[in-house]
C-alpha atoms as a PDB file:
ATOM      1  CA  MET A   1      -4.086  19.868 -68.009  1.00  0.00           C
ATOM      2  CA  THR A   2      -7.520  20.568 -66.511  1.00  0.00           C
ATOM      3  CA  VAL A   3      -8.229  18.797 -63.216  1.00  0.00           C
ATOM      4  CA  VAL A   4     -11.835  17.898 -62.438  1.00  0.00           C
ATOM      5  CA  CYS A   5     -12.984  16.732 -59.003  1.00  0.00           C
ATOM      6  CA  VAL A   6     -16.019  14.434 -58.684  1.00  0.00           C
ATOM      7  CA  PRO A   7     -17.448  12.859 -55.504  1.00  0.00           C
ATOM      8  CA  ASP A   8     -17.264   9.130 -56.252  1.00  0.00           C
ATOM      9  CA  ALA A   9     -16.310   6.369 -58.685  1.00  0.00           C
ATOM     10  CA  ASP A  10     -19.847   6.212 -60.077  1.00  0.00           C
ATOM     11  CA  ALA A  11     -19.431   9.809 -61.232  1.00  0.00           C
ATOM     12  CA  VAL A  12     -16.310   8.866 -63.173  1.00  0.00           C
ATOM     13  CA  GLN A  13     -18.236   6.175 -65.017  1.00  0.00           C
ATOM     14  CA  LEU A  14     -21.186   8.468 -65.689  1.00  0.00           C
ATOM     15  CA  LEU A  15     -18.935  11.154 -67.123  1.00  0.00           C
ATOM     16  CA  GLY A  16     -17.723   8.757 -69.822  1.00  0.00           C
ATOM     17  CA  ASP A  17     -15.183   9.942 -72.382  1.00  0.00           C
ATOM     18  CA  LEU A  18     -13.744  13.338 -71.535  1.00  0.00           C
ATOM     19  CA  PRO A  19     -11.952  15.947 -73.635  1.00  0.00           C
ATOM     20  CA  GLU A  20      -8.245  15.492 -74.164  1.00  0.00           C
ATOM     21  CA  GLY A  21      -6.183  17.051 -71.428  1.00  0.00           C
ATOM     22  CA  VAL A  22      -8.704  16.473 -68.636  1.00  0.00           C
ATOM     23  CA  GLU A  23      -7.753  14.539 -65.495  1.00  0.00           C
ATOM     24  CA  VAL A  24     -10.333  13.379 -62.952  1.00  0.00           C
ATOM     25  CA  VAL A  25      -9.741  13.118 -59.219  1.00  0.00           C
ATOM     26  CA  VAL A  26     -12.254  11.528 -56.835  1.00  0.00           C
ATOM     27  CA  TRP A  27     -12.850  13.226 -53.489  1.00  0.00           C
ATOM     28  CA  ASN A  28     -15.932  13.628 -51.295  1.00  0.00           C
ATOM     29  CA  GLY A  29     -14.314  15.698 -48.563  1.00  0.00           C
ATOM     30  CA  GLU A  30     -12.643  12.978 -46.516  1.00  0.00           C
ATOM     31  CA  PRO A  31      -9.349  13.814 -44.702  1.00  0.00           C
ATOM     32  CA  ASP A  32      -7.232  11.828 -47.183  1.00  0.00           C
ATOM     33  CA  ARG A  33      -6.841  14.063 -50.193  1.00  0.00           C
ATOM     34  CA  PRO A  34      -5.924  12.714 -53.622  1.00  0.00           C
ATOM     35  CA  ALA A  35      -2.884  13.925 -55.502  1.00  0.00           C
ATOM     36  CA  ARG A  36      -3.502  16.997 -57.661  1.00  0.00           C
ATOM     37  CA  LEU A  37      -6.665  17.936 -55.719  1.00  0.00           C
ATOM     38  CA  GLY A  38      -5.110  21.348 -55.153  1.00  0.00           C
ATOM     39  CA  GLU A  39      -5.033  21.873 -58.937  1.00  0.00           C
ATOM     40  CA  THR A  40      -8.781  21.334 -59.334  1.00  0.00           C
ATOM     41  CA  GLU A  41     -10.430  23.933 -61.545  1.00  0.00           C
ATOM     42  CA  PHE A  42     -13.840  22.253 -62.009  1.00  0.00           C
ATOM     43  CA  TRP A  43     -15.610  20.722 -58.997  1.00  0.00           C
ATOM     44  CA  VAL A  44     -18.760  18.577 -58.876  1.00  0.00           C
ATOM     45  CA  PRO A  45     -19.763  18.211 -55.201  1.00  0.00           C
ATOM     46  CA  GLN A  46     -22.125  15.616 -53.810  1.00  0.00           C
ATOM     47  CA  VAL A  47     -25.800  16.414 -54.258  1.00  0.00           C
ATOM     48  CA  GLU A  48     -26.942  19.138 -51.837  1.00  0.00           C
ATOM     49  CA  ASP A  49     -23.802  18.761 -49.700  1.00  0.00           C
ATOM     50  CA  SER A  50     -22.789  22.168 -48.344  1.00  0.00           C
ATOM     51  CA  SER A  51     -21.155  20.828 -45.170  1.00  0.00           C
ATOM     52  CA  ASP A  52     -17.657  22.039 -44.286  1.00  0.00           C
ATOM     53  CA  LEU A  53     -17.690  24.125 -47.456  1.00  0.00           C
ATOM     54  CA  GLU A  54     -14.967  26.523 -46.337  1.00  0.00           C
ATOM     55  CA  ASN A  55     -12.406  23.741 -45.817  1.00  0.00           C
ATOM     56  CA  LYS A  56     -13.364  21.994 -49.057  1.00  0.00           C
ATOM     57  CA  LEU A  57     -12.904  25.192 -51.024  1.00  0.00           C
ATOM     58  CA  ALA A  58      -9.582  25.827 -49.267  1.00  0.00           C
ATOM     59  CA  ALA A  59      -8.364  22.463 -50.570  1.00  0.00           C
ATOM     60  CA  MET A  60      -8.941  23.656 -54.150  1.00  0.00           C
ATOM     61  CA  PRO A  61      -7.299  27.100 -54.407  1.00  0.00           C
ATOM     62  CA  ASP A  62      -7.317  27.028 -58.226  1.00  0.00           C
ATOM     63  CA  LEU A  63     -11.079  26.375 -58.435  1.00  0.00           C
ATOM     64  CA  LYS A  64     -12.933  28.245 -61.181  1.00  0.00           C
ATOM     65  CA  VAL A  65     -16.239  26.333 -61.526  1.00  0.00           C
ATOM     66  CA  MET A  66     -18.528  24.660 -58.992  1.00  0.00           C
ATOM     67  CA  GLN A  67     -21.087  22.611 -60.928  1.00  0.00           C
ATOM     68  CA  LEU A  68     -23.996  21.325 -58.851  1.00  0.00           C
ATOM     69  CA  LEU A  69     -26.099  18.244 -59.566  1.00  0.00           C
ATOM     70  CA  SER A  70     -29.260  19.873 -58.192  1.00  0.00           C
ATOM     71  CA  ALA A  71     -31.351  22.833 -59.283  1.00  0.00           C
ATOM     72  CA  GLY A  72     -31.625  24.257 -55.759  1.00  0.00           C
ATOM     73  CA  VAL A  73     -28.651  26.348 -54.651  1.00  0.00           C
ATOM     74  CA  GLU A  74     -30.025  28.261 -51.656  1.00  0.00           C
ATOM     75  CA  ASP A  75     -27.369  26.868 -49.290  1.00  0.00           C
ATOM     76  CA  LEU A  76     -24.525  28.050 -51.519  1.00  0.00           C
ATOM     77  CA  VAL A  77     -25.572  31.445 -52.869  1.00  0.00           C
ATOM     78  CA  GLY A  78     -23.030  34.036 -51.755  1.00  0.00           C
ATOM     79  CA  LYS A  79     -20.686  31.450 -50.249  1.00  0.00           C
ATOM     80  CA  THR A  80     -18.365  30.774 -53.189  1.00  0.00           C
ATOM     81  CA  PRO A  81     -15.083  32.700 -53.475  1.00  0.00           C
ATOM     82  CA  GLU A  82     -14.719  35.561 -55.910  1.00  0.00           C
ATOM     83  CA  GLY A  83     -13.794  34.233 -59.338  1.00  0.00           C
ATOM     84  CA  VAL A  84     -15.620  30.910 -58.883  1.00  0.00           C
ATOM     85  CA  GLN A  85     -18.675  30.397 -61.095  1.00  0.00           C
ATOM     86  CA  LEU A  86     -21.538  28.564 -59.390  1.00  0.00           C
ATOM     87  CA  CYS A  87     -23.683  26.575 -61.845  1.00  0.00           C
ATOM     88  CA  ASP A  88     -26.859  24.669 -61.081  1.00  0.00           C
ATOM     89  CA  ALA A  89     -28.499  21.678 -62.794  1.00  0.00           C
ATOM     90  CA  ARG A  90     -31.505  23.565 -64.103  1.00  0.00           C
ATOM     91  CA  GLY A  91     -33.268  21.530 -66.795  1.00  0.00           C
ATOM     92  CA  VAL A  92     -31.991  18.155 -65.581  1.00  0.00           C
ATOM     93  CA  HIS A  93     -34.636  17.205 -63.028  1.00  0.00           C
ATOM     94  CA  GLY A  94     -37.655  19.164 -64.305  1.00  0.00           C
ATOM     95  CA  GLY A  95     -39.266  16.239 -66.115  1.00  0.00           C
ATOM     96  CA  PRO A  96     -39.170  13.699 -63.260  1.00  0.00           C
ATOM     97  CA  VAL A  97     -40.246  16.290 -60.685  1.00  0.00           C
ATOM     98  CA  ALA A  98     -43.142  17.359 -62.910  1.00  0.00           C
ATOM     99  CA  ASP A  99     -44.124  13.694 -63.117  1.00  0.00           C
ATOM    100  CA  MET A 100     -44.280  13.664 -59.310  1.00  0.00           C
ATOM    101  CA  VAL A 101     -46.537  16.716 -59.352  1.00  0.00           C
ATOM    102  CA  LEU A 102     -48.997  14.835 -61.532  1.00  0.00           C
ATOM    103  CA  THR A 103     -48.595  11.730 -59.364  1.00  0.00           C
ATOM    104  CA  LEU A 104     -49.493  13.637 -56.195  1.00  0.00           C
ATOM    105  CA  MET A 105     -52.397  15.401 -57.872  1.00  0.00           C
ATOM    106  CA  LEU A 106     -53.875  12.264 -59.387  1.00  0.00           C
ATOM    107  CA  ALA A 107     -53.343  10.268 -56.204  1.00  0.00           C
ATOM    108  CA  SER A 108     -55.205  12.901 -54.233  1.00  0.00           C
ATOM    109  CA  TYR A 109     -58.000  13.447 -56.725  1.00  0.00           C
ATOM    110  CA  ARG A 110     -58.531   9.734 -57.439  1.00  0.00           C
ATOM    111  CA  GLN A 111     -58.481   8.720 -53.747  1.00  0.00           C
ATOM    112  CA  VAL A 112     -55.461   6.431 -54.130  1.00  0.00           C
ATOM    113  CA  PRO A 113     -54.566   6.520 -50.390  1.00  0.00           C
ATOM    114  CA  HIS A 114     -58.091   5.259 -49.613  1.00  0.00           C
ATOM    115  CA  PHE A 115     -57.654   2.336 -51.982  1.00  0.00           C
ATOM    116  CA  VAL A 116     -54.186   1.474 -50.642  1.00  0.00           C
ATOM    117  CA  ARG A 117     -55.523   1.360 -47.089  1.00  0.00           C
ATOM    118  CA  ALA A 118     -58.494  -0.733 -48.203  1.00  0.00           C
ATOM    119  CA  GLN A 119     -56.186  -3.163 -49.987  1.00  0.00           C
ATOM    120  CA  ALA A 120     -54.088  -3.538 -46.822  1.00  0.00           C
ATOM    121  CA  ARG A 121     -57.293  -4.460 -44.978  1.00  0.00           C
ATOM    122  CA  GLY A 122     -58.375  -6.825 -47.736  1.00  0.00           C
ATOM    123  CA  GLU A 123     -61.480  -4.718 -48.218  1.00  0.00           C
ATOM    124  CA  TRP A 124     -63.302  -3.888 -51.486  1.00  0.00           C
ATOM    125  CA  SER A 125     -64.125  -0.242 -50.776  1.00  0.00           C
ATOM    126  CA  ASP A 126     -65.094   2.201 -53.518  1.00  0.00           C
ATOM    127  CA  ALA A 127     -64.650   5.972 -53.313  1.00  0.00           C
ATOM    128  CA  GLN A 128     -65.626   8.697 -55.735  1.00  0.00           C
ATOM    129  CA  GLY A 129     -62.745  10.743 -57.109  1.00  0.00           C
ATOM    130  CA  GLU A 130     -62.206  13.734 -59.376  1.00  0.00           C
ATOM    131  CA  ASP A 131     -60.463  14.117 -62.721  1.00  0.00           C
ATOM    132  CA  LEU A 132     -58.105  16.826 -63.950  1.00  0.00           C
ATOM    133  CA  GLU A 133     -60.256  17.908 -66.876  1.00  0.00           C
ATOM    134  CA  ASP A 134     -60.858  21.684 -66.723  1.00  0.00           C
ATOM    135  CA  LYS A 135     -59.079  22.026 -63.376  1.00  0.00           C
ATOM    136  CA  ARG A 136     -57.524  25.512 -63.081  1.00  0.00           C
ATOM    137  CA  VAL A 137     -54.021  24.988 -61.681  1.00  0.00           C
ATOM    138  CA  LEU A 138     -51.821  27.875 -60.547  1.00  0.00           C
ATOM    139  CA  ILE A 139     -48.153  26.992 -61.001  1.00  0.00           C
ATOM    140  CA  VAL A 140     -46.124  29.356 -58.833  1.00  0.00           C
ATOM    141  CA  GLY A 141     -42.686  29.264 -60.416  1.00  0.00           C
ATOM    142  CA  ALA A 142     -42.332  29.539 -64.187  1.00  0.00           C
ATOM    143  CA  GLY A 143     -38.896  28.055 -64.755  1.00  0.00           C
ATOM    144  CA  ASP A 144     -38.136  24.697 -66.363  1.00  0.00           C
ATOM    145  CA  LEU A 145     -40.029  22.759 -63.692  1.00  0.00           C
ATOM    146  CA  GLY A 146     -43.078  24.998 -63.944  1.00  0.00           C
ATOM    147  CA  GLU A 147     -43.116  24.738 -67.725  1.00  0.00           C
ATOM    148  CA  GLN A 148     -42.702  20.944 -67.623  1.00  0.00           C
ATOM    149  CA  THR A 149     -45.587  20.719 -65.169  1.00  0.00           C
ATOM    150  CA  ALA A 150     -47.801  22.919 -67.344  1.00  0.00           C
ATOM    151  CA  LYS A 151     -47.081  20.757 -70.382  1.00  0.00           C
ATOM    152  CA  ARG A 152     -48.140  17.610 -68.551  1.00  0.00           C
ATOM    153  CA  LEU A 153     -51.259  19.195 -67.101  1.00  0.00           C
ATOM    154  CA  LYS A 154     -52.429  20.251 -70.552  1.00  0.00           C
ATOM    155  CA  GLY A 155     -52.269  16.604 -71.590  1.00  0.00           C
ATOM    156  CA  PHE A 156     -54.867  15.839 -68.915  1.00  0.00           C
ATOM    157  CA  GLY A 157     -57.158  18.650 -70.008  1.00  0.00           C
ATOM    158  CA  ALA A 158     -56.298  20.917 -67.076  1.00  0.00           C
ATOM    159  CA  VAL A 159     -55.780  24.664 -67.417  1.00  0.00           C
ATOM    160  CA  PRO A 160     -52.330  25.649 -66.091  1.00  0.00           C
ATOM    161  CA  VAL A 161     -51.722  29.287 -65.112  1.00  0.00           C
ATOM    162  CA  LEU A 162     -48.044  30.179 -64.705  1.00  0.00           C
ATOM    163  CA  VAL A 163     -46.939  32.714 -62.090  1.00  0.00           C
ATOM    164  CA  ALA A 164     -43.441  34.150 -61.613  1.00  0.00           C
ATOM    165  CA  HIS A 165     -41.758  36.981 -59.722  1.00  0.00           C
ATOM    166  CA  SER A 166     -42.184  39.272 -62.729  1.00  0.00           C
ATOM    167  CA  ALA A 167     -44.844  39.164 -65.421  1.00  0.00           C
ATOM    168  CA  ARG A 168     -44.012  38.292 -69.015  1.00  0.00           C
ATOM    169  CA  GLU A 169     -45.961  37.006 -71.973  1.00  0.00           C
ATOM    170  CA  GLY A 170     -48.093  34.094 -70.811  1.00  0.00           C
ATOM    171  CA  VAL A 171     -46.921  34.444 -67.197  1.00  0.00           C
ATOM    172  CA  HIS A 172     -48.530  36.373 -64.331  1.00  0.00           C
ATOM    173  CA  ALA A 173     -46.595  38.193 -61.606  1.00  0.00           C
ATOM    174  CA  THR A 174     -46.711  37.002 -57.992  1.00  0.00           C
ATOM    175  CA  GLY A 175     -48.272  40.345 -57.141  1.00  0.00           C
ATOM    176  CA  GLU A 176     -51.399  39.084 -58.907  1.00  0.00           C
ATOM    177  CA  LEU A 177     -51.782  36.052 -56.623  1.00  0.00           C
ATOM    178  CA  PRO A 178     -54.483  37.624 -54.396  1.00  0.00           C
ATOM    179  CA  ASP A 179     -56.688  37.865 -57.487  1.00  0.00           C
ATOM    180  CA  LEU A 180     -55.686  34.471 -58.924  1.00  0.00           C
ATOM    181  CA  LEU A 181     -55.887  32.247 -55.837  1.00  0.00           C
ATOM    182  CA  PRO A 182     -59.662  32.374 -55.246  1.00  0.00           C
ATOM    183  CA  ALA A 183     -60.310  30.805 -58.667  1.00  0.00           C
ATOM    184  CA  ALA A 184     -57.665  28.067 -58.372  1.00  0.00           C
ATOM    185  CA  ASP A 185     -58.663  24.427 -58.050  1.00  0.00           C
ATOM    186  CA  ALA A 186     -55.036  23.609 -57.234  1.00  0.00           C
ATOM    187  CA  VAL A 187     -51.777  25.442 -56.534  1.00  0.00           C
ATOM    188  CA  VAL A 188     -48.418  23.890 -57.429  1.00  0.00           C
ATOM    189  CA  LEU A 189     -45.241  25.353 -55.908  1.00  0.00           C
ATOM    190  CA  THR A 190     -42.141  25.097 -58.097  1.00  0.00           C
ATOM    191  CA  VAL A 191     -40.270  28.240 -56.995  1.00  0.00           C
ATOM    192  CA  PRO A 192     -36.653  28.310 -55.800  1.00  0.00           C
ATOM    193  CA  LEU A 193     -36.084  29.110 -52.142  1.00  0.00           C
ATOM    194  CA  THR A 194     -35.027  32.748 -51.837  1.00  0.00           C
ATOM    195  CA  PRO A 195     -35.656  35.498 -49.278  1.00  0.00           C
ATOM    196  CA  ASP A 196     -38.699  36.473 -51.370  1.00  0.00           C
ATOM    197  CA  THR A 197     -40.227  32.987 -51.460  1.00  0.00           C
ATOM    198  CA  GLU A 198     -39.445  31.777 -47.928  1.00  0.00           C
ATOM    199  CA  GLY A 199     -42.763  31.647 -46.081  1.00  0.00           C
ATOM    200  CA  MET A 200     -44.716  33.052 -49.030  1.00  0.00           C
ATOM    201  CA  VAL A 201     -47.439  30.423 -48.569  1.00  0.00           C
ATOM    202  CA  ASP A 202     -48.653  31.719 -45.231  1.00  0.00           C
ATOM    203  CA  ALA A 203     -52.054  31.795 -43.550  1.00  0.00           C
ATOM    204  CA  LYS A 204     -53.214  34.675 -45.766  1.00  0.00           C
ATOM    205  CA  PHE A 205     -52.135  32.864 -48.943  1.00  0.00           C
ATOM    206  CA  LEU A 206     -53.884  29.658 -47.890  1.00  0.00           C
ATOM    207  CA  ALA A 207     -57.024  31.473 -46.797  1.00  0.00           C
ATOM    208  CA  ALA A 208     -57.323  32.914 -50.312  1.00  0.00           C
ATOM    209  CA  MET A 209     -57.539  29.405 -51.788  1.00  0.00           C
ATOM    210  CA  PRO A 210     -61.110  28.136 -52.200  1.00  0.00           C
ATOM    211  CA  ASP A 211     -62.618  25.347 -50.115  1.00  0.00           C
ATOM    212  CA  GLY A 212     -61.459  21.926 -51.297  1.00  0.00           C
ATOM    213  CA  ALA A 213     -58.449  23.268 -53.205  1.00  0.00           C
ATOM    214  CA  LEU A 214     -55.274  21.197 -53.438  1.00  0.00           C
ATOM    215  CA  LEU A 215     -51.764  22.470 -52.623  1.00  0.00           C
ATOM    216  CA  VAL A 216     -48.777  20.595 -54.094  1.00  0.00           C
ATOM    217  CA  ASN A 217     -45.250  21.529 -53.001  1.00  0.00           C
ATOM    218  CA  VAL A 218     -42.208  20.239 -54.889  1.00  0.00           C
ATOM    219  CA  ALA A 219     -40.182  23.396 -54.228  1.00  0.00           C
ATOM    220  CA  ARG A 220     -38.736  23.643 -50.716  1.00  0.00           C
ATOM    221  CA  GLY A 221     -40.455  23.073 -47.392  1.00  0.00           C
ATOM    222  CA  LYS A 222     -39.644  26.577 -46.140  1.00  0.00           C
ATOM    223  CA  VAL A 223     -41.794  28.106 -48.880  1.00  0.00           C
ATOM    224  CA  VAL A 224     -44.838  27.011 -46.832  1.00  0.00           C
ATOM    225  CA  ASP A 225     -45.768  27.977 -43.281  1.00  0.00           C
ATOM    226  CA  THR A 226     -46.169  24.484 -41.809  1.00  0.00           C
ATOM    227  CA  ASP A 227     -48.409  25.550 -38.909  1.00  0.00           C
ATOM    228  CA  ALA A 228     -50.712  27.493 -41.218  1.00  0.00           C
ATOM    229  CA  LEU A 229     -51.011  24.531 -43.568  1.00  0.00           C
ATOM    230  CA  LEU A 230     -51.676  22.146 -40.677  1.00  0.00           C
ATOM    231  CA  ALA A 231     -54.550  24.341 -39.544  1.00  0.00           C
ATOM    232  CA  GLU A 232     -56.150  24.237 -43.001  1.00  0.00           C
ATOM    233  CA  LEU A 233     -55.665  20.479 -43.379  1.00  0.00           C
ATOM    234  CA  THR A 234     -57.016  19.719 -39.909  1.00  0.00           C
ATOM    235  CA  SER A 235     -60.117  21.782 -40.554  1.00  0.00           C
ATOM    236  CA  GLY A 236     -60.706  19.785 -43.741  1.00  0.00           C
ATOM    237  CA  ARG A 237     -60.877  22.921 -45.863  1.00  0.00           C
ATOM    238  CA  LEU A 238     -57.779  22.220 -47.998  1.00  0.00           C
ATOM    239  CA  ARG A 239     -55.886  19.192 -49.291  1.00  0.00           C
ATOM    240  CA  ALA A 240     -52.157  18.869 -49.950  1.00  0.00           C
ATOM    241  CA  GLY A 241     -49.472  16.742 -51.555  1.00  0.00           C
ATOM    242  CA  LEU A 242     -45.982  17.463 -50.218  1.00  0.00           C
ATOM    243  CA  ASP A 243     -42.701  16.143 -51.549  1.00  0.00           C
ATOM    244  CA  VAL A 244     -40.848  18.678 -49.398  1.00  0.00           C
ATOM    245  CA  VAL A 245     -41.600  19.732 -45.829  1.00  0.00           C
ATOM    246  CA  GLU A 246     -40.248  21.874 -43.036  1.00  0.00           C
ATOM    247  CA  PRO A 247     -38.526  20.480 -41.047  1.00  0.00           C
ATOM    248  CA  GLU A 248     -36.836  17.891 -43.245  1.00  0.00           C
ATOM    249  CA  PRO A 249     -36.471  15.012 -42.789  1.00  0.00           C
ATOM    250  CA  LEU A 250     -39.803  15.013 -40.992  1.00  0.00           C
ATOM    251  CA  PRO A 251     -39.215  13.701 -37.447  1.00  0.00           C
ATOM    252  CA  GLU A 252     -41.192  10.867 -35.894  1.00  0.00           C
ATOM    253  CA  GLY A 253     -44.336  12.100 -34.230  1.00  0.00           C
ATOM    254  CA  HIS A 254     -44.567  15.347 -36.197  1.00  0.00           C
ATOM    255  CA  PRO A 255     -48.223  16.364 -36.654  1.00  0.00           C
ATOM    256  CA  LEU A 256     -47.881  16.373 -40.445  1.00  0.00           C
ATOM    257  CA  TRP A 257     -47.607  12.571 -40.375  1.00  0.00           C
ATOM    258  CA  SER A 258     -51.137  12.236 -39.042  1.00  0.00           C
ATOM    259  CA  ALA A 259     -52.705  15.283 -40.687  1.00  0.00           C
ATOM    260  CA  PRO A 260     -55.852  14.515 -42.683  1.00  0.00           C
ATOM    261  CA  ASN A 261     -56.172  15.269 -46.379  1.00  0.00           C
ATOM    262  CA  LEU A 262     -52.394  15.014 -46.862  1.00  0.00           C
ATOM    263  CA  LEU A 263     -50.107  12.831 -48.965  1.00  0.00           C
ATOM    264  CA  ILE A 264     -46.357  12.997 -48.194  1.00  0.00           C
ATOM    265  CA  THR A 265     -43.396  11.720 -50.204  1.00  0.00           C
ATOM    266  CA  PRO A 266     -39.839  12.037 -48.769  1.00  0.00           C
ATOM    267  CA  HIS A 267     -38.240  14.585 -51.145  1.00  0.00           C
ATOM    268  CA  ALA A 268     -38.224  11.831 -53.738  1.00  0.00           C
ATOM    269  CA  ALA A 269     -39.477  13.677 -56.819  1.00  0.00           C
ATOM    270  CA  GLY A 270     -36.112  13.709 -58.566  1.00  0.00           C
ATOM    271  CA  HIS A 271     -35.024  10.229 -57.487  1.00  0.00           C
ATOM    272  CA  VAL A 272     -35.395   8.233 -60.687  1.00  0.00           C
ATOM    273  CA  LYS A 273     -33.068   5.683 -62.231  1.00  0.00           C
ATOM    274  CA  ARG A 274     -31.772   7.980 -64.959  1.00  0.00           C
ATOM    275  CA  SER A 275     -31.216  11.067 -62.804  1.00  0.00           C
ATOM    276  CA  GLY A 276     -27.458  10.465 -62.496  1.00  0.00           C
ATOM    277  CA  GLU A 277     -27.104   9.852 -66.210  1.00  0.00           C
ATOM    278  CA  ARG A 278     -28.903  13.084 -67.052  1.00  0.00           C
ATOM    279  CA  ALA A 279     -27.029  15.124 -64.458  1.00  0.00           C
ATOM    280  CA  TYR A 280     -23.612  13.995 -65.642  1.00  0.00           C
ATOM    281  CA  ALA A 281     -24.555  14.596 -69.252  1.00  0.00           C
ATOM    282  CA  LEU A 282     -24.888  18.234 -68.201  1.00  0.00           C
ATOM    283  CA  VAL A 283     -21.585  18.077 -66.305  1.00  0.00           C
ATOM    284  CA  ARG A 284     -19.818  16.661 -69.356  1.00  0.00           C
ATOM    285  CA  ALA A 285     -21.255  19.372 -71.616  1.00  0.00           C
ATOM    286  CA  GLN A 286     -20.270  22.077 -69.145  1.00  0.00           C
ATOM    287  CA  LEU A 287     -16.780  20.641 -68.846  1.00  0.00           C
ATOM    288  CA  GLU A 288     -16.372  20.668 -72.617  1.00  0.00           C
ATOM    289  CA  ARG A 289     -17.413  24.318 -72.685  1.00  0.00           C
ATOM    290  CA  PHE A 290     -14.967  25.124 -69.914  1.00  0.00           C
ATOM    291  CA  VAL A 291     -12.032  23.418 -71.621  1.00  0.00           C
ATOM    292  CA  GLN A 292     -12.821  25.208 -74.876  1.00  0.00           C
ATOM    293  CA  GLY A 293     -13.112  28.567 -73.148  1.00  0.00           C
ATOM    294  CA  GLU A 294     -16.814  28.906 -73.966  1.00  0.00           C
ATOM    295  CA  GLU A 295     -19.503  30.536 -71.828  1.00  0.00           C
ATOM    296  CA  LEU A 296     -21.043  28.159 -69.290  1.00  0.00           C
ATOM    297  CA  GLN A 297     -24.775  27.547 -68.928  1.00  0.00           C
ATOM    298  CA  ASN A 298     -26.856  27.709 -65.739  1.00  0.00           C
ATOM    299  CA  VAL A 299     -24.550  30.240 -64.060  1.00  0.00           C
ATOM    300  CA  VAL A 300     -26.154  31.407 -60.811  1.00  0.00           C
ATOM    301  CA  THR A 301     -26.256  35.154 -60.280  1.00  0.00           C
ATOM    302  CA  GLY A 302     -27.819  37.242 -57.519  1.00  0.00           C
ATOM    303  CA  GLN A 303     -30.502  35.380 -55.572  1.00  0.00           C
ATOM    304  CA  TYR A 304     -31.143  33.194 -58.681  1.00  0.00           C
END
């Protein structure tokens, strides 16, 4: 018998039919522990919940797999016991998040905030916008999300340029960014948060972007130096669309709220109606592999 732990009753329903010999327990870390929790071999924690991890892991001494529902794992890398495979949800949320990239870009270029404010005032107020045709867009992060973003941008006639830690066919290395940034109409951040990417978009990075360029961040807030970005936005030299910020959630009164040339969404890029369905389709497939003794997908190694 393989015991699987999921965080809530909705997860049980989303999992659907499971392989023979699999038992599901529901536990989200509360003091009352269900029977057979200690026999759990496959755990699906709540999204981005790394609180009290040590005690949760201690409650599952037989754990072999920790399957996340998110692609970001920065809070968990290096914190799982030896012998426990950490797997992320890479490939699940790339499409919806890429949609948000295009939403932020189009909203900024087509002056949507201006029109929303005018509508609230009951005012017919035109404003000239820009289109995406021929826009050169640097996508920093060439994983699933970066590739999904590039595919959508091509549909609008833009020219995506993928950048990753190491160069490969069709992808530039981050070491080339000083040469690439001055020609970029927009920069989209889709990198994972690692020691190498934390703070990579600093004052020097931003200064290399041309006047009027647009920065879109759907990665993690800590990838960007908030003070440096605020300086560029306040001067009017750059524009930005941020789905993630630092700090997060953004506190009341923070200067980002009132910064000009900025559109903010509250880390909502992956929050679509079918996100749970897609995530648990991955969980179910991973569970089937585990039960059959097959190699798991999306196993996190190193700094991922």
